[in-house]
Amino acid sequence: MNIAQRLAQYTCEFASDGLPEEITSLVRKRVVDSLACILGAYGSDPVESAIIVASTVAVDSSSVFGTTLRTTPELAAFANGIMVRFLDYNDGYMGLEPGHPSDNIPACLALAEAEGASGKEFISAIVLAYEIQMRLQDAASLNKCGWDHVNYINVAMAAAAAKLMKLNPTKTEQAINIALSSHLAMRQVRSGTLSDWKGCSAANAARNAIFSAQLSRAGMTGPSPIFEGTMGFFKQVTGEFVLDVDSFGNRSNGNYAIQRSLTKTFPTNGELHTAVWAAIELSAQISDLREIKTIHIETSEFNKRVLADTSEKWRPKTRETADHSLPYNVARALLDSNITLESYSLNKISDPLVIALMDKTTVSEDILLTKLFPKHLANRVTITLVSGEKFVSEMISGPGSLETPMTDSDFERKFRRMAKPHISNAAQNRVLEFVVNLEHQTDYTPLFKAMSVT
């Protein structure tokens, strides 16, 4: 069998219930985390644009968070997916390719609602999407070839959609073929000055995946073999790689990829979190930041290439560029001893003090830190004062990592912090109670009602 066929078989054989409690608990945490991100994105320009488009197609199928709007599952997935991704606050995973597997959650929810899927089936689809996306991230880099990581969502979400739609292996394979062949995203979305689309690209991939599964259910076929063909994914995008589907997580081996996903304590790029922690540590040691002569950030090859690649990272003009800038985040953390949503306001980005610190900042690769990557997303910050005194902080990992994972209480605090400006404490309690009982849910209306702006 080719890769798409093996993924289809794995999808159809994947258990719709009976997942270990440890895995179900992780899904609940990721859902709470995603709902926190959704609330934090309410009212943002990209979200409002997506809602305007979704409102033109009124269908009693899937709900859009923060509104009373009902629309098609693919348009709901797009709008809600942008909400999850907008703040760059949702979970992540770094293999040979970076990515954010929770980008699949809002699309799974849109389809679960449309298809009348149970809470257990919704949870299963999420675990399946994580599994396929993260295994693909382990298998091959996309960004080094100029392609965006969301191309793996095409495959993962097409499979998850097929699972929720109860498609057979043949139709599941065709959903994967259509999704991957027709919707390849370029890495330019994360290069230079970053635009609104940086936070929309993943949601668009999930939207396309749902549409591909819908087409397959209606009888449409797609090009095959999509990975191995003479004009397929291997030849055009990644080069050949091995994908051992037999080793994917299942009830027998318990080796589910979701266990390796990471979560965020700051609303910014995950690979620079340790640089932020280092800067916060240094800020407590330096009484007068005006005495700083130089700031030097040593990092991995990936971070230098992605987070300090162009002059725009030293002069960000947009939120999206700022939250993917090593120089900016280190400077901002030195000034504020924290990174928050407000860190990326135009006032903060254009602050003369942060610009002055960025002008003193250089970034270089440290081969030892590159060797730690991607297991550890390490950074080292060295500050030299005018007096010649030096301060160094190296952070190998931090909160949200596999070594120090966020707890249920951490996720609740994150959720309530994002929710406070938008929904009442009573509504917050209803949302959290809904997620606690997620596997027993049969109707998702109470969740959307509780998440409505008060």
Protein backbone atom coordinates (compact mmCIF):
# COMPACT_ATOMS: atom_id res chain seq x y z
CA MET A 1 0.00 0.00 0.00
CA ASN A 2 1.12 3.57 -0.61
CA ILE A 3 1.36 6.11 2.23
CA ALA A 4 -2.11 7.62 1.72
CA GLN A 5 -3.64 4.14 1.76
CA ARG A 6 -1.79 3.20 4.94
CA LEU A 7 -2.88 6.45 6.61
CA ALA A 8 -6.45 5.76 5.53
CA GLN A 9 -6.35 2.26 6.96
CA TYR A 10 -4.88 3.56 10.22
CA THR A 11 -7.60 6.22 10.39
CA CYS A 12 -10.43 3.77 9.92
CA GLU A 13 -8.98 1.34 12.47
CA PHE A 14 -8.29 4.07 15.03
CA ALA A 15 -10.40 3.57 18.16
CA SER A 16 -13.34 5.94 18.54
CA ASP A 17 -13.53 5.21 22.25
CA GLY A 18 -11.57 3.39 24.90
CA LEU A 19 -8.59 5.75 24.83
CA PRO A 20 -6.51 5.71 28.04
CA GLU A 21 -7.55 8.29 30.63
CA GLU A 22 -4.07 9.81 30.41
CA ILE A 23 -4.68 10.62 26.74
CA THR A 24 -8.24 11.83 27.29
CA SER A 25 -6.95 14.10 30.05
CA LEU A 26 -4.37 15.59 27.66
CA VAL A 27 -7.13 16.31 25.15
CA ARG A 28 -9.19 18.09 27.81
CA LYS A 29 -6.17 20.24 28.65
CA ARG A 30 -5.58 21.07 24.98
CA VAL A 31 -9.25 21.98 24.52
CA VAL A 32 -9.17 24.35 27.52
CA ASP A 33 -5.95 25.83 26.16
CA SER A 34 -7.53 26.35 22.73
CA LEU A 35 -10.63 27.94 24.24
CA ALA A 36 -8.37 30.38 26.10
CA CYS A 37 -6.74 31.33 22.81
CA ILE A 38 -10.15 31.73 21.16
CA LEU A 39 -11.32 34.16 23.81
CA GLY A 40 -8.14 36.18 23.55
CA ALA A 41 -8.70 36.59 19.82
CA TYR A 42 -12.27 37.95 20.07
CA GLY A 43 -12.59 41.17 18.10
CA SER A 44 -9.28 40.88 16.23
CA ASP A 45 -9.27 42.06 12.62
CA PRO A 46 -8.60 38.66 10.96
CA VAL A 47 -11.32 37.04 13.06
CA GLU A 48 -13.83 39.74 12.15
CA SER A 49 -13.00 39.30 8.46
CA ALA A 50 -13.61 35.55 8.70
CA ILE A 51 -16.90 36.08 10.53
CA ILE A 52 -18.08 38.47 7.79
CA VAL A 53 -17.41 35.79 5.16
CA ALA A 54 -19.01 33.04 7.24
CA SER A 55 -22.12 35.17 7.79
CA THR A 56 -22.82 35.14 4.05
CA VAL A 57 -23.53 31.39 4.24
CA ALA A 58 -26.19 30.82 6.87
CA VAL A 59 -26.57 27.07 7.41
CA ASP A 60 -27.79 25.37 10.58
CA SER A 61 -24.71 23.18 10.85
CA SER A 62 -21.73 24.51 12.83
CA SER A 63 -21.30 27.40 15.28
CA VAL A 64 -18.84 30.30 15.31
CA PHE A 65 -17.46 31.24 18.72
CA GLY A 66 -18.42 34.61 20.17
CA THR A 67 -21.45 34.92 17.89
CA THR A 68 -24.87 33.39 17.30
CA LEU A 69 -23.85 32.58 13.75
CA ARG A 70 -24.41 29.11 12.30
CA THR A 71 -22.70 28.24 9.03
CA THR A 72 -21.03 25.42 7.14
CA PRO A 73 -18.45 23.30 8.99
CA GLU A 74 -15.60 24.45 6.76
CA LEU A 75 -16.37 28.16 7.29
CA ALA A 76 -16.84 27.63 11.04
CA ALA A 77 -13.54 25.75 11.12
CA PHE A 78 -11.84 28.65 9.36
CA ALA A 79 -13.21 31.38 11.65
CA ASN A 80 -12.70 29.40 14.86
CA GLY A 81 -9.31 28.19 13.69
CA ILE A 82 -8.09 31.76 13.24
CA MET A 83 -9.18 32.44 16.81
CA VAL A 84 -7.07 29.56 18.11
CA ARG A 85 -4.00 30.63 16.16
CA PHE A 86 -4.19 34.46 16.19
CA LEU A 87 -2.24 35.08 19.42
CA ASP A 88 0.41 32.40 18.77
CA TYR A 89 -0.58 31.11 22.20
CA ASN A 90 -1.75 27.60 21.32
CA ASP A 91 0.31 24.46 21.70
CA GLY A 92 3.17 23.39 19.48
CA TYR A 93 5.50 20.60 18.51
CA MET A 94 8.95 20.66 16.98
CA GLY A 95 10.19 17.73 14.92
CA LEU A 96 12.09 18.17 11.69
CA GLU A 97 9.26 20.61 11.00
CA PRO A 98 7.54 22.94 13.51
CA GLY A 99 3.80 23.02 13.85
CA HIS A 100 0.79 23.52 16.09
CA PRO A 101 -1.33 20.35 16.26
CA SER A 102 -4.12 22.07 18.19
CA ASP A 103 -4.88 23.91 14.94
CA ASN A 104 -6.95 20.79 14.21
CA ILE A 105 -9.16 21.13 17.28
CA PRO A 106 -11.58 23.83 16.02
CA ALA A 107 -12.01 21.98 12.73
CA CYS A 108 -12.72 18.73 14.56
CA LEU A 109 -15.27 20.58 16.70
CA ALA A 110 -16.99 22.11 13.67
CA LEU A 111 -17.40 18.68 12.09
CA ALA A 112 -18.34 16.97 15.36
CA GLU A 113 -21.16 19.48 15.70
CA ALA A 114 -22.24 19.12 12.07
CA GLU A 115 -22.11 15.31 12.09
CA GLY A 116 -23.69 14.83 15.52
CA ALA A 117 -20.55 13.11 16.80
CA SER A 118 -20.26 12.15 20.45
CA GLY A 119 -17.71 13.62 22.82
CA LYS A 120 -15.73 10.39 22.63
CA GLU A 121 -15.67 10.57 18.83
CA PHE A 122 -14.58 14.22 19.00
CA ILE A 123 -11.74 13.32 21.38
CA SER A 124 -10.67 10.43 19.16
CA ALA A 125 -10.54 12.67 16.08
CA ILE A 126 -8.32 15.14 17.94
CA VAL A 127 -5.88 12.42 19.02
CA LEU A 128 -5.84 11.06 15.46
CA ALA A 129 -5.10 14.49 13.97
CA TYR A 130 -2.28 15.08 16.46
CA GLU A 131 -0.85 11.66 15.66
CA ILE A 132 -0.70 12.13 11.91
CA GLN A 133 0.46 15.75 11.94
CA MET A 134 3.21 15.19 14.51
CA ARG A 135 4.48 12.00 12.84
CA LEU A 136 4.73 13.91 9.57
CA GLN A 137 6.58 16.70 11.39
CA ASP A 138 9.03 14.07 12.61
CA ALA A 139 9.46 12.65 9.11
CA ALA A 140 10.51 15.64 6.98
CA SER A 141 11.16 19.38 7.00
CA LEU A 142 8.98 21.65 4.90
CA ASN A 143 10.37 25.08 5.84
CA LYS A 144 13.87 24.31 4.53
CA CYS A 145 12.30 23.69 1.14
CA GLY A 146 10.26 26.91 1.21
CA TRP A 147 6.93 25.33 2.18
CA ASP A 148 4.74 26.07 5.19
CA HIS A 149 4.18 23.61 8.03
CA VAL A 150 0.40 23.78 7.60
CA ASN A 151 0.70 21.45 4.62
CA TYR A 152 0.77 18.62 7.14
CA ILE A 153 -2.60 19.80 8.46
CA ASN A 154 -3.96 19.04 4.99
CA VAL A 155 -3.26 15.37 5.66
CA ALA A 156 -3.99 15.20 9.39
CA MET A 157 -7.29 17.06 9.24
CA ALA A 158 -8.44 15.26 6.10
CA ALA A 159 -8.02 12.01 8.03
CA ALA A 160 -9.74 13.39 11.13
CA ALA A 161 -12.60 14.70 9.00
CA ALA A 162 -12.97 11.34 7.33
CA LYS A 163 -13.07 9.70 10.76
CA LEU A 164 -15.83 12.01 12.00
CA MET A 165 -17.73 11.54 8.74
CA LYS A 166 -17.32 7.74 9.07
CA LEU A 167 -15.81 7.33 5.60
CA ASN A 168 -14.42 3.97 4.53
CA PRO A 169 -10.70 3.46 3.76
CA THR A 170 -11.13 4.14 0.04
CA LYS A 171 -12.90 7.47 0.56
CA THR A 172 -10.50 8.42 3.37
CA GLU A 173 -7.58 7.88 1.02
CA GLN A 174 -9.22 10.09 -1.59
CA ALA A 175 -9.81 12.83 0.99
CA ILE A 176 -6.08 12.80 1.76
CA ASN A 177 -5.17 12.77 -1.93
CA ILE A 178 -7.41 15.76 -2.70
CA ALA A 179 -6.35 17.77 0.36
CA LEU A 180 -2.62 17.35 -0.16
CA SER A 181 -2.49 17.74 -3.93
CA SER A 182 -4.59 20.88 -4.15
CA HIS A 183 -3.65 23.09 -1.21
CA LEU A 184 0.11 23.56 -0.80
CA ALA A 185 1.03 26.67 1.22
CA MET A 186 4.29 28.58 0.75
CA ARG A 187 6.62 29.50 3.61
CA GLN A 188 6.54 33.16 2.56
CA VAL A 189 3.67 33.46 5.01
CA ARG A 190 6.31 33.45 7.81
CA SER A 191 9.10 35.43 6.11
CA GLY A 192 9.84 39.16 6.10
CA THR A 193 7.02 41.36 7.37
CA LEU A 194 4.35 38.99 8.61
CA SER A 195 0.72 39.66 7.69
CA ASP A 196 -2.69 38.63 9.00
CA TRP A 197 -2.36 35.40 7.00
CA LYS A 198 0.34 34.11 9.38
CA GLY A 199 -2.47 33.35 11.84
CA CYS A 200 -4.89 32.18 9.16
CA SER A 201 -2.83 29.73 7.12
CA ALA A 202 -3.46 26.77 9.43
CA ALA A 203 -7.19 27.49 9.63
CA ASN A 204 -7.29 27.61 5.85
CA ALA A 205 -5.56 24.22 5.62
CA ALA A 206 -8.14 22.76 7.99
CA ARG A 207 -10.95 24.34 5.96
CA ASN A 208 -9.54 22.81 2.79
CA ALA A 209 -9.20 19.42 4.45
CA ILE A 210 -12.87 19.38 5.47
CA PHE A 211 -13.89 20.37 1.94
CA SER A 212 -11.71 17.60 0.53
CA ALA A 213 -13.40 15.04 2.78
CA GLN A 214 -16.81 16.35 1.75
CA LEU A 215 -15.88 15.94 -1.90
CA SER A 216 -14.62 12.42 -1.27
CA ARG A 217 -17.83 11.47 0.54
CA ALA A 218 -19.73 12.65 -2.56
CA GLY A 219 -17.64 10.37 -4.79
CA MET A 220 -14.77 12.60 -5.91
CA THR A 221 -11.36 11.00 -6.38
CA GLY A 222 -7.94 12.61 -6.14
CA PRO A 223 -4.50 12.05 -7.72
CA SER A 224 -2.63 8.98 -6.54
CA PRO A 225 -0.10 8.06 -5.30
CA ILE A 226 0.04 11.57 -3.87
CA PHE A 227 3.25 11.08 -1.88
CA GLU A 228 5.25 8.70 -4.08
CA GLY A 229 4.04 9.67 -7.58
CA THR A 230 6.30 10.99 -10.32
CA MET A 231 4.83 14.47 -9.74
CA GLY A 232 3.91 13.86 -6.11
CA PHE A 233 4.78 15.28 -2.71
CA PHE A 234 8.19 13.62 -2.47
CA LYS A 235 9.36 14.86 -5.87
CA GLN A 236 7.88 18.35 -5.64
CA VAL A 237 8.16 19.26 -1.97
CA THR A 238 10.13 17.24 0.61
CA GLY A 239 12.15 14.54 -1.02
CA GLU A 240 11.55 10.92 -0.07
CA PHE A 241 10.99 10.08 3.59
CA VAL A 242 9.93 7.07 5.64
CA LEU A 243 6.61 7.09 7.49
CA ASP A 244 6.23 3.99 9.65
CA VAL A 245 2.48 4.00 10.12
CA ASP A 246 2.62 0.66 11.95
CA SER A 247 4.44 2.39 14.82
CA PHE A 248 1.82 5.14 15.20
CA GLY A 249 0.02 5.37 18.52
CA ASN A 250 -2.69 2.80 19.23
CA ARG A 251 -4.28 1.04 22.20
CA SER A 252 -1.67 -1.74 22.04
CA ASN A 253 1.45 0.41 22.26
CA GLY A 254 0.01 3.48 24.02
CA ASN A 255 2.59 5.60 22.19
CA TYR A 256 0.35 8.51 21.23
CA ALA A 257 2.13 11.56 19.79
CA ILE A 258 -0.07 14.04 21.67
CA GLN A 259 1.98 13.21 24.77
CA ARG A 260 4.94 15.00 23.16
CA SER A 261 3.14 18.25 22.34
CA LEU A 262 4.18 21.41 24.20
CA THR A 263 2.10 24.25 25.59
CA LYS A 264 2.79 27.96 26.01
CA THR A 265 3.06 30.29 28.97
CA PHE A 266 3.62 33.33 26.73
CA PRO A 267 1.56 34.45 23.69
CA THR A 268 4.51 34.20 21.33
CA ASN A 269 6.56 31.84 19.18
CA GLY A 270 7.36 28.67 21.11
CA GLU A 271 10.97 28.36 20.00
CA LEU A 272 11.89 31.66 21.68
CA HIS A 273 10.20 31.03 25.05
CA THR A 274 13.49 30.10 26.68
CA ALA A 275 15.01 33.37 25.42
CA VAL A 276 12.16 35.22 27.12
CA TRP A 277 12.75 33.33 30.37
CA ALA A 278 16.46 34.15 30.11
CA ALA A 279 15.71 37.84 29.57
CA ILE A 280 13.34 37.90 32.53
CA GLU A 281 16.03 36.38 34.72
CA LEU A 282 18.56 38.97 33.53
CA SER A 283 16.15 41.87 34.02
CA ALA A 284 16.18 41.18 37.74
CA GLN A 285 19.99 41.41 37.82
CA ILE A 286 20.42 44.70 35.92
CA SER A 287 19.25 47.76 37.81
CA ASP A 288 19.61 50.24 34.94
CA LEU A 289 18.94 48.99 31.40
CA ARG A 290 20.46 52.21 30.04
CA GLU A 291 23.85 50.82 31.08
CA ILE A 292 23.55 47.96 28.58
CA LYS A 293 26.19 48.13 25.86
CA THR A 294 25.40 44.93 23.94
CA ILE A 295 22.88 42.08 23.97
CA HIS A 296 23.94 38.86 22.29
CA ILE A 297 21.52 35.99 21.71
CA GLU A 298 22.95 32.56 20.93
CA THR A 299 20.44 30.14 19.54
CA SER A 300 19.83 27.21 17.21
CA GLU A 301 20.19 27.27 13.43
CA PHE A 302 16.41 27.13 13.08
CA ASN A 303 15.80 30.07 15.39
CA LYS A 304 18.39 32.25 13.71
CA ARG A 305 17.01 31.40 10.27
CA VAL A 306 13.37 31.95 11.24
CA LEU A 307 13.33 34.42 14.16
CA ALA A 308 16.29 36.66 13.27
CA ASP A 309 16.43 36.30 9.50
CA THR A 310 15.74 39.80 8.16
CA SER A 311 15.95 43.43 9.20
CA GLU A 312 12.19 43.38 9.87
CA LYS A 313 12.89 41.30 13.00
CA TRP A 314 14.81 44.31 14.38
CA ARG A 315 12.07 46.75 13.30
CA PRO A 316 8.76 44.88 13.52
CA LYS A 317 5.77 46.82 12.25
CA THR A 318 3.07 44.21 12.86
CA ARG A 319 2.01 42.02 15.76
CA GLU A 320 2.75 38.96 13.68
CA THR A 321 6.35 40.03 12.96
CA ALA A 322 6.98 41.06 16.58
CA ASP A 323 5.88 37.75 18.07
CA HIS A 324 8.29 35.95 15.72
CA SER A 325 11.26 38.20 16.50
CA LEU A 326 14.04 37.10 18.85
CA PRO A 327 15.45 40.63 19.21
CA TYR A 328 12.07 42.16 20.00
CA ASN A 329 10.96 39.55 22.54
CA VAL A 330 14.23 39.63 24.45
CA ALA A 331 14.19 43.44 24.54
CA ARG A 332 10.55 43.56 25.59
CA ALA A 333 11.09 40.98 28.32
CA LEU A 334 14.06 42.94 29.65
CA LEU A 335 11.89 46.05 29.89
CA ASP A 336 8.73 44.48 31.31
CA SER A 337 9.96 41.25 32.96
CA ASN A 338 7.11 39.52 31.12
CA ILE A 339 5.48 38.94 27.75
CA THR A 340 1.72 39.55 27.54
CA LEU A 341 -0.88 40.33 24.89
CA GLU A 342 -0.09 44.00 25.38
CA SER A 343 3.56 43.34 24.47
CA TYR A 344 2.53 43.36 20.80
CA SER A 345 0.47 46.53 20.76
CA LEU A 346 1.64 49.21 18.33
CA ASN A 347 2.67 51.39 21.27
CA LYS A 348 4.90 48.67 22.65
CA ILE A 349 6.35 47.72 19.25
CA SER A 350 7.25 51.35 18.48
CA ASP A 351 8.54 52.13 21.98
CA PRO A 352 11.86 54.03 21.65
CA LEU A 353 13.28 52.06 24.59
CA VAL A 354 12.67 48.71 22.93
CA ILE A 355 14.09 50.01 19.64
CA ALA A 356 17.22 51.17 21.45
CA LEU A 357 17.69 47.73 22.99
CA MET A 358 17.13 45.97 19.67
CA ASP A 359 19.80 48.20 18.11
CA LYS A 360 22.24 46.75 20.65
CA THR A 361 21.22 43.16 19.88
CA THR A 362 23.00 40.58 17.76
CA VAL A 363 22.02 36.96 17.12
CA SER A 364 24.24 34.02 16.22
CA GLU A 365 23.96 30.26 15.98
CA ASP A 366 25.58 28.14 18.66
CA ILE A 367 26.23 24.70 17.24
CA LEU A 368 25.77 23.09 20.65
CA LEU A 369 22.29 24.60 20.96
CA THR A 370 21.52 23.41 17.43
CA LYS A 371 22.50 19.89 18.49
CA LEU A 372 19.97 20.07 21.34
CA PHE A 373 17.25 21.03 18.85
CA PRO A 374 14.43 19.97 18.49
CA LYS A 375 14.36 18.02 21.77
CA HIS A 376 15.26 21.20 23.62
CA LEU A 377 14.42 24.69 22.33
CA ALA A 378 17.36 26.33 24.09
CA ASN A 379 18.61 29.92 24.02
CA ARG A 380 21.42 31.83 25.70
CA VAL A 381 21.39 35.60 26.31
CA THR A 382 24.55 37.52 27.20
CA ILE A 383 24.40 41.16 28.26
CA THR A 384 27.49 43.33 28.47
CA LEU A 385 27.28 46.63 30.35
CA VAL A 386 29.15 49.81 29.53
CA SER A 387 31.34 49.03 32.53
CA GLY A 388 32.38 45.74 30.91
CA GLU A 389 30.46 43.59 33.40
CA LYS A 390 28.73 40.59 31.80
CA PHE A 391 25.52 38.77 32.69
CA VAL A 392 24.62 35.43 31.10
CA SER A 393 21.46 33.35 31.24
CA GLU A 394 21.05 30.05 29.41
CA MET A 395 17.70 28.31 29.38
CA ILE A 396 17.46 24.77 28.01
CA SER A 397 13.74 24.38 28.69
CA GLY A 398 10.99 26.06 30.66
CA PRO A 399 7.36 25.84 31.78
CA GLY A 400 5.17 24.10 29.20
CA SER A 401 7.97 21.74 28.17
CA LEU A 402 7.94 17.97 28.61
CA GLU A 403 10.20 18.41 31.66
CA THR A 404 7.88 20.91 33.36
CA PRO A 405 4.42 20.52 31.80
CA MET A 406 1.60 22.90 32.59
CA THR A 407 -0.88 21.59 35.16
CA ASP A 408 -4.68 21.66 35.15
CA SER A 409 -4.46 24.72 37.39
CA ASP A 410 -2.09 26.43 34.94
CA PHE A 411 -4.52 25.87 32.08
CA GLU A 412 -7.45 27.12 34.15
CA ARG A 413 -5.56 30.29 35.08
CA LYS A 414 -4.67 30.87 31.43
CA PHE A 415 -8.29 30.33 30.42
CA ARG A 416 -9.72 32.65 33.06
CA ARG A 417 -7.15 35.35 32.23
CA MET A 418 -8.21 35.30 28.58
CA ALA A 419 -11.91 34.94 29.42
CA LYS A 420 -12.26 37.72 32.01
CA PRO A 421 -12.71 40.62 29.53
CA HIS A 422 -15.37 38.74 27.56
CA ILE A 423 -17.51 36.35 29.61
CA SER A 424 -18.76 36.22 33.20
CA ASN A 425 -17.25 34.05 35.89
CA ALA A 426 -20.38 31.90 35.83
CA ALA A 427 -19.96 31.37 32.07
CA GLN A 428 -16.31 30.50 32.62
CA ASN A 429 -17.37 27.84 35.10
CA ARG A 430 -19.84 26.39 32.60
CA VAL A 431 -17.15 26.17 29.92
CA LEU A 432 -14.72 24.40 32.23
CA GLU A 433 -17.44 22.02 33.45
CA PHE A 434 -18.32 21.20 29.85
CA VAL A 435 -14.71 20.25 29.11
CA VAL A 436 -14.38 18.18 32.31
CA ASN A 437 -17.25 16.06 30.99
CA LEU A 438 -16.18 16.25 27.34
CA GLU A 439 -16.24 12.51 26.65
CA HIS A 440 -19.87 12.34 27.77
CA GLN A 441 -21.12 15.28 25.69
CA THR A 442 -23.62 14.79 22.88
CA ASP A 443 -24.56 18.42 22.23
CA TYR A 444 -22.03 21.24 21.79
CA THR A 445 -24.55 24.10 21.95
CA PRO A 446 -23.97 24.76 25.69
CA LEU A 447 -20.26 25.32 25.01
CA PHE A 448 -20.86 27.93 22.33
CA LYS A 449 -23.56 29.60 24.44
CA ALA A 450 -21.22 29.87 27.44
CA MET A 451 -18.47 31.31 25.22
CA SER A 452 -20.75 34.07 23.88
CA VAL A 453 -19.72 37.61 24.77
CA THR A 454 -21.68 39.07 27.67
